[in-house]
């Protein structure tokens, strides 16, 4: 610890130094770096807007209610991070890839581990709702070679705009979820429904914040994918319906131009729509 004589009494102008000097020199270096920067930016923010005590109290109440809204099926803090664009920023910093490799986007709060492994061409829609859609394409490396043994973990909302975990007493378990594994040709195919746009849960403090800011809670229609294969970086991404009206104002900033996928009329009697998209994996440890 620094000697007490080296610590200045707290003042408005010297607030950052007063706090950061108390971090023990033996603290983990990365923790020290993060906390010193956090304190600096928090204090600079408060000074910049001249935060009032009433506003500070409102912020504490907001964060308290956000925490109280969290449970095993709902993570209000993830929603808060998403709508502030922080989730996308952290994802971008940690998943920089070379040109041509498929980009990441937000995981979202509704992924569930342990979805059933299905055969290629199987349907993931179990509730009989929605307009049928064939999703197909290839998993390739940056040289265009097919990736065998790639696992595609896929999920989406139902035709009413809800994920199965949001309606456990209404939707079948694992509705619109499944895992598919590519063969030697790297191809994948499964049937689901044409994705529909939906609002993020807006009945909590995050929704109240969006309303106060004049922002809508809507997400454009999309299909979620996690794609993993030995020797390659894992992709966490969506494909977005290319003509969705909410593409340019996604509530969680998840849309990237490279992830737009056309949804076209199907050519099979039992499939109303089809959507084709190729995923390009980057070798693990490669820039």
Protein backbone atom coordinates (compact mmCIF):
# COMPACT_ATOMS: atom_id res chain seq x y z
CA UNK A 1 0.00 0.00 0.00
CA UNK A 2 1.05 3.58 -0.56
CA UNK A 3 1.86 5.52 2.58
CA UNK A 4 -0.98 7.63 3.98
CA UNK A 5 1.19 10.71 3.52
CA UNK A 6 1.22 10.07 -0.23
CA UNK A 7 -2.58 10.08 -0.50
CA UNK A 8 -4.25 13.41 -1.13
CA UNK A 9 -7.51 14.23 0.53
CA UNK A 10 -10.43 13.91 -1.86
CA UNK A 11 -11.15 16.99 -3.96
CA UNK A 12 -13.33 17.54 -7.01
CA UNK A 13 -10.40 18.35 -9.26
CA UNK A 14 -8.21 15.51 -7.95
CA UNK A 15 -10.92 12.87 -7.53
CA UNK A 16 -9.46 10.37 -10.00
CA UNK A 17 -6.01 10.45 -8.43
CA UNK A 18 -7.49 10.22 -4.92
CA UNK A 19 -9.25 6.95 -5.78
CA UNK A 20 -6.66 5.32 -8.05
CA UNK A 21 -3.71 5.90 -5.74
CA UNK A 22 -5.33 3.55 -3.24
CA UNK A 23 -5.11 0.53 -5.54
CA UNK A 24 -2.40 -1.68 -4.13
CA UNK A 25 0.73 -1.92 -6.26
CA UNK A 26 0.56 -5.71 -5.86
CA UNK A 27 -2.90 -5.90 -7.45
CA UNK A 28 -3.21 -7.88 -10.67
CA UNK A 29 -1.79 -5.60 -13.42
CA UNK A 30 -4.72 -6.10 -15.80
CA UNK A 31 -7.24 -5.48 -13.00
CA UNK A 32 -5.35 -2.33 -12.05
CA UNK A 33 -5.36 -1.10 -15.67
CA UNK A 34 -9.09 -1.73 -16.09
CA UNK A 35 -10.11 -0.20 -12.76
CA UNK A 36 -7.94 2.90 -13.15
CA UNK A 37 -9.47 3.55 -16.56
CA UNK A 38 -12.99 2.84 -15.29
CA UNK A 39 -12.60 5.29 -12.40
CA UNK A 40 -11.17 7.95 -14.71
CA UNK A 41 -13.99 7.69 -17.24
CA UNK A 42 -16.71 7.51 -14.59
CA UNK A 43 -15.42 10.59 -12.83
CA UNK A 44 -14.89 12.45 -16.12
CA UNK A 45 -18.47 11.60 -17.10
CA UNK A 46 -19.88 12.91 -13.81
CA UNK A 47 -17.89 16.12 -14.17
CA UNK A 48 -18.80 16.56 -17.84
CA UNK A 49 -22.56 16.44 -17.21
CA UNK A 50 -22.33 17.87 -13.67
CA UNK A 51 -24.35 14.95 -12.37
CA UNK A 52 -26.88 15.92 -9.71
CA UNK A 53 -27.48 13.88 -6.58
CA UNK A 54 -31.05 13.25 -7.72
CA UNK A 55 -29.79 11.89 -11.06
CA UNK A 56 -27.22 9.75 -9.28
CA UNK A 57 -30.00 8.36 -7.09
CA UNK A 58 -32.11 7.61 -10.15
CA UNK A 59 -29.18 5.75 -11.70
CA UNK A 60 -28.69 3.64 -8.56
CA UNK A 61 -32.40 2.80 -8.53
CA UNK A 62 -32.28 1.91 -12.23
CA UNK A 63 -29.35 -0.48 -11.73
CA UNK A 64 -31.02 -2.00 -8.67
CA UNK A 65 -34.22 -2.69 -10.60
CA UNK A 66 -32.20 -4.05 -13.52
CA UNK A 67 -30.56 -6.59 -11.22
CA UNK A 68 -33.87 -7.53 -9.64
CA UNK A 69 -35.25 -8.31 -13.13
CA UNK A 70 -32.61 -10.97 -13.76
CA UNK A 71 -33.28 -14.69 -13.36
CA UNK A 72 -32.34 -17.95 -15.04
CA UNK A 73 -34.45 -17.14 -18.13
CA UNK A 74 -33.92 -13.40 -18.37
CA UNK A 75 -30.77 -11.31 -18.12
CA UNK A 76 -31.73 -7.64 -18.00
CA UNK A 77 -28.09 -6.56 -17.74
CA UNK A 78 -27.35 -8.24 -21.08
CA UNK A 79 -30.24 -6.28 -22.57
CA UNK A 80 -28.81 -3.08 -21.09
CA UNK A 81 -25.39 -3.81 -22.54
CA UNK A 82 -26.99 -4.67 -25.89
CA UNK A 83 -29.08 -1.51 -26.27
CA UNK A 84 -26.13 0.70 -25.34
CA UNK A 85 -24.07 -0.88 -28.12
CA UNK A 86 -21.53 -2.14 -25.58
CA UNK A 87 -22.10 -5.81 -26.37
CA UNK A 88 -21.39 -5.20 -30.05
CA UNK A 89 -18.31 -3.11 -29.28
CA UNK A 90 -16.78 -5.73 -26.98
CA UNK A 91 -17.60 -8.41 -29.56
CA UNK A 92 -15.94 -6.39 -32.35
CA UNK A 93 -12.79 -5.81 -30.29
CA UNK A 94 -12.47 -9.50 -29.48
CA UNK A 95 -13.38 -10.95 -32.88
CA UNK A 96 -11.39 -9.04 -35.48
CA UNK A 97 -11.11 -11.21 -38.58
CA UNK A 98 -9.54 -10.94 -42.02
CA UNK A 99 -11.56 -9.79 -44.99
CA UNK A 100 -13.83 -12.54 -46.26
CA UNK A 101 -14.31 -14.33 -42.95
CA UNK A 102 -17.86 -14.30 -41.59
CA UNK A 103 -18.37 -11.61 -38.98
CA UNK A 104 -19.66 -12.06 -35.47
CA UNK A 105 -22.65 -10.34 -33.92
CA UNK A 106 -24.27 -10.44 -30.48
CA UNK A 107 -25.07 -13.78 -28.85
CA UNK A 108 -28.28 -12.47 -27.32
CA UNK A 109 -29.90 -13.69 -24.11
CA UNK A 110 -31.82 -16.69 -25.48
CA UNK A 111 -29.18 -19.23 -26.43
CA UNK A 112 -29.60 -22.57 -24.62
CA UNK A 113 -26.90 -25.21 -24.32
CA UNK A 114 -27.72 -28.81 -25.15
CA UNK A 115 -30.02 -28.44 -28.16
CA UNK A 116 -30.64 -31.79 -29.88
CA UNK A 117 -28.42 -32.92 -32.73
CA UNK A 118 -30.55 -33.36 -35.85
CA UNK A 119 -30.02 -34.90 -39.28
CA UNK A 120 -29.35 -32.62 -42.24
CA UNK A 121 -32.63 -31.50 -43.75
CA UNK A 122 -34.62 -31.97 -40.52
CA UNK A 123 -36.99 -29.32 -39.28
CA UNK A 124 -36.40 -27.33 -36.12
CA UNK A 125 -39.92 -25.90 -36.00
CA UNK A 126 -42.02 -28.03 -33.66
CA UNK A 127 -45.11 -25.90 -33.00
CA UNK A 128 -46.54 -25.94 -36.52
CA UNK A 129 -46.60 -22.14 -36.76
CA UNK A 130 -45.05 -19.86 -39.34
CA UNK A 131 -44.11 -19.97 -43.00
CA UNK A 132 -41.71 -22.83 -43.76
CA UNK A 133 -38.20 -21.89 -44.85
CA UNK A 134 -35.23 -23.96 -46.01
CA UNK A 135 -31.89 -22.70 -44.73
CA UNK A 136 -28.93 -24.03 -46.67
CA UNK A 137 -25.37 -23.26 -47.65
CA UNK A 138 -21.80 -24.31 -47.00
CA UNK A 139 -19.20 -23.95 -44.29
CA UNK A 140 -15.87 -23.08 -45.93
CA UNK A 141 -12.39 -21.92 -45.03
CA UNK A 142 -10.88 -18.72 -46.41
CA UNK A 143 -9.49 -20.65 -49.39
CA UNK A 144 -12.93 -21.96 -50.34
CA UNK A 145 -12.37 -25.49 -49.08
CA UNK A 146 -15.31 -27.22 -47.39
CA UNK A 147 -15.04 -27.70 -43.62
CA UNK A 148 -16.04 -31.17 -42.51
CA UNK A 149 -17.33 -31.76 -39.01
CA UNK A 150 -18.41 -28.16 -38.46
CA UNK A 151 -21.14 -27.91 -35.83
CA UNK A 152 -23.96 -25.43 -36.45
CA UNK A 153 -26.00 -24.59 -33.36
CA UNK A 154 -29.07 -22.73 -34.63
CA UNK A 155 -32.08 -21.09 -32.99
CA UNK A 156 -34.74 -18.47 -33.63
CA UNK A 157 -38.03 -17.11 -32.35
CA UNK A 158 -41.36 -18.60 -33.39
CA UNK A 159 -43.94 -17.03 -35.69
CA UNK A 160 -45.30 -14.97 -32.78
CA UNK A 161 -41.89 -13.46 -32.06
CA UNK A 162 -41.05 -15.44 -28.90
CA UNK A 163 -38.28 -17.91 -28.10
CA UNK A 164 -39.25 -21.19 -26.49
CA UNK A 165 -37.67 -20.24 -23.14
CA UNK A 166 -39.94 -17.20 -23.02
CA UNK A 167 -43.01 -19.42 -23.29
CA UNK A 168 -42.13 -22.71 -21.55
CA UNK A 169 -45.80 -23.55 -20.98
CA UNK A 170 -46.82 -22.74 -24.56
CA UNK A 171 -44.03 -23.81 -26.91
CA UNK A 172 -42.52 -27.31 -27.09
CA UNK A 173 -39.08 -27.67 -25.58
CA UNK A 174 -36.35 -27.06 -28.17
CA UNK A 175 -38.79 -25.38 -30.53
CA UNK A 176 -36.85 -23.71 -33.35
CA UNK A 177 -33.53 -25.05 -32.06
CA UNK A 178 -31.14 -27.70 -33.29
CA UNK A 179 -27.54 -28.72 -33.92
CA UNK A 180 -26.30 -29.89 -37.34
CA UNK A 181 -22.88 -31.29 -38.29
CA UNK A 182 -21.43 -30.94 -41.78
CA UNK A 183 -20.07 -33.81 -43.83
CA UNK A 184 -17.13 -33.88 -46.25
CA UNK A 185 -18.82 -31.40 -48.60
CA UNK A 186 -19.25 -28.79 -45.86
CA UNK A 187 -22.90 -28.36 -46.74
CA UNK A 188 -25.71 -27.73 -44.28
CA UNK A 189 -29.47 -27.71 -44.68
CA UNK A 190 -32.38 -27.53 -42.27
CA UNK A 191 -35.97 -26.39 -42.29
CA UNK A 192 -37.42 -23.83 -39.97
CA UNK A 193 -39.67 -20.86 -40.44
CA UNK A 194 -39.17 -17.56 -42.20
CA UNK A 195 -37.82 -15.45 -39.32
CA UNK A 196 -40.00 -12.64 -38.00
CA UNK A 197 -38.95 -9.40 -36.34
CA UNK A 198 -39.76 -8.96 -32.66
CA UNK A 199 -39.26 -6.54 -29.78
CA UNK A 200 -36.71 -7.28 -27.10
CA UNK A 201 -38.37 -7.60 -23.67
CA UNK A 202 -39.37 -4.03 -22.85
CA UNK A 203 -41.44 -4.49 -19.69
CA UNK A 204 -38.48 -3.76 -17.41
CA UNK A 205 -36.13 -0.88 -16.68
CA UNK A 206 -34.28 -1.23 -20.00
CA UNK A 207 -37.56 -0.90 -21.90
CA UNK A 208 -38.46 2.14 -19.82
CA UNK A 209 -35.10 3.70 -20.67
CA UNK A 210 -35.65 3.09 -24.40
CA UNK A 211 -39.09 4.68 -24.24
CA UNK A 212 -37.69 7.72 -22.41
CA UNK A 213 -35.07 8.09 -25.16
CA UNK A 214 -37.65 7.78 -27.94
CA UNK A 215 -36.13 4.51 -29.16
CA UNK A 216 -38.07 1.46 -30.29
CA UNK A 217 -37.26 -2.05 -28.94
CA UNK A 218 -37.46 -3.92 -32.25
CA UNK A 219 -34.99 -6.37 -33.74
CA UNK A 220 -35.02 -7.25 -37.47
CA UNK A 221 -35.86 -10.84 -38.38
CA UNK A 222 -32.89 -13.18 -38.08
CA UNK A 223 -31.65 -16.72 -37.56
CA UNK A 224 -28.99 -17.33 -34.89
CA UNK A 225 -25.90 -19.45 -35.58
CA UNK A 226 -22.94 -20.62 -33.54
CA UNK A 227 -20.50 -22.38 -35.86
CA UNK A 228 -17.52 -24.27 -34.48
CA UNK A 229 -14.97 -26.64 -35.97
CA UNK A 230 -11.62 -28.02 -34.86
CA UNK A 231 -8.78 -25.69 -35.83
CA UNK A 232 -11.05 -22.73 -36.58
CA UNK A 233 -12.31 -19.68 -34.71
CA UNK A 234 -15.88 -20.09 -33.49
CA UNK A 235 -18.43 -17.79 -35.11
CA UNK A 236 -21.34 -16.38 -33.10
CA UNK A 237 -23.59 -14.63 -35.57
CA UNK A 238 -27.01 -14.14 -37.21
CA UNK A 239 -28.25 -14.07 -40.76
CA UNK A 240 -30.71 -11.21 -41.25
CA UNK A 241 -33.68 -11.18 -43.63
CA UNK A 242 -32.38 -8.78 -46.26
CA UNK A 243 -35.54 -6.72 -46.73
CA UNK A 244 -36.57 -6.34 -43.09
CA UNK A 245 -37.75 -2.80 -42.22
CA UNK A 246 -35.79 -2.71 -38.92
CA UNK A 247 -32.34 -3.43 -40.40
CA UNK A 248 -31.09 0.14 -40.04
CA UNK A 249 -32.40 0.66 -36.50
CA UNK A 250 -31.84 -2.68 -34.75
CA UNK A 251 -32.36 -2.03 -31.04
CA UNK A 252 -29.13 -3.86 -30.16
CA UNK A 253 -26.98 -2.68 -33.12
CA UNK A 254 -26.38 -6.26 -34.27
CA UNK A 255 -26.79 -5.84 -38.05
CA UNK A 256 -23.77 -5.96 -40.33
CA UNK A 257 -24.04 -5.60 -44.10
CA UNK A 258 -22.16 -8.86 -44.65
CA UNK A 259 -24.80 -10.81 -42.69
CA UNK A 260 -27.82 -9.93 -44.85
CA UNK A 261 -29.36 -13.01 -46.43
CA UNK A 262 -32.01 -13.00 -49.13
CA UNK A 263 -35.18 -14.96 -48.39
CA UNK A 264 -36.68 -16.09 -51.67
CA UNK A 265 -39.70 -18.16 -52.70
CA UNK A 266 -39.08 -21.88 -52.23
CA UNK A 267 -39.00 -24.35 -55.09
CA UNK A 268 -40.33 -27.34 -53.15
CA UNK A 269 -43.96 -27.99 -52.40
CA UNK A 270 -43.54 -28.16 -48.64
CA UNK A 271 -41.21 -25.16 -48.39
CA UNK A 272 -42.56 -21.66 -48.90
CA UNK A 273 -39.19 -19.90 -48.63
CA UNK A 274 -35.48 -20.57 -48.89
CA UNK A 275 -32.46 -18.71 -47.57
CA UNK A 276 -28.92 -19.51 -48.67
CA UNK A 277 -25.79 -18.33 -46.85
CA UNK A 278 -22.19 -19.56 -46.84
CA UNK A 279 -20.15 -19.26 -43.65
CA UNK A 280 -16.42 -18.63 -43.98
CA UNK A 281 -14.26 -19.73 -41.04
CA UNK A 282 -10.89 -18.30 -40.10
CA UNK A 283 -8.13 -20.64 -38.91
CA UNK A 284 -7.62 -20.45 -35.16
CA UNK A 285 -4.67 -18.25 -34.27
CA UNK A 286 -4.69 -16.56 -37.68
CA UNK A 287 -5.18 -12.83 -38.27
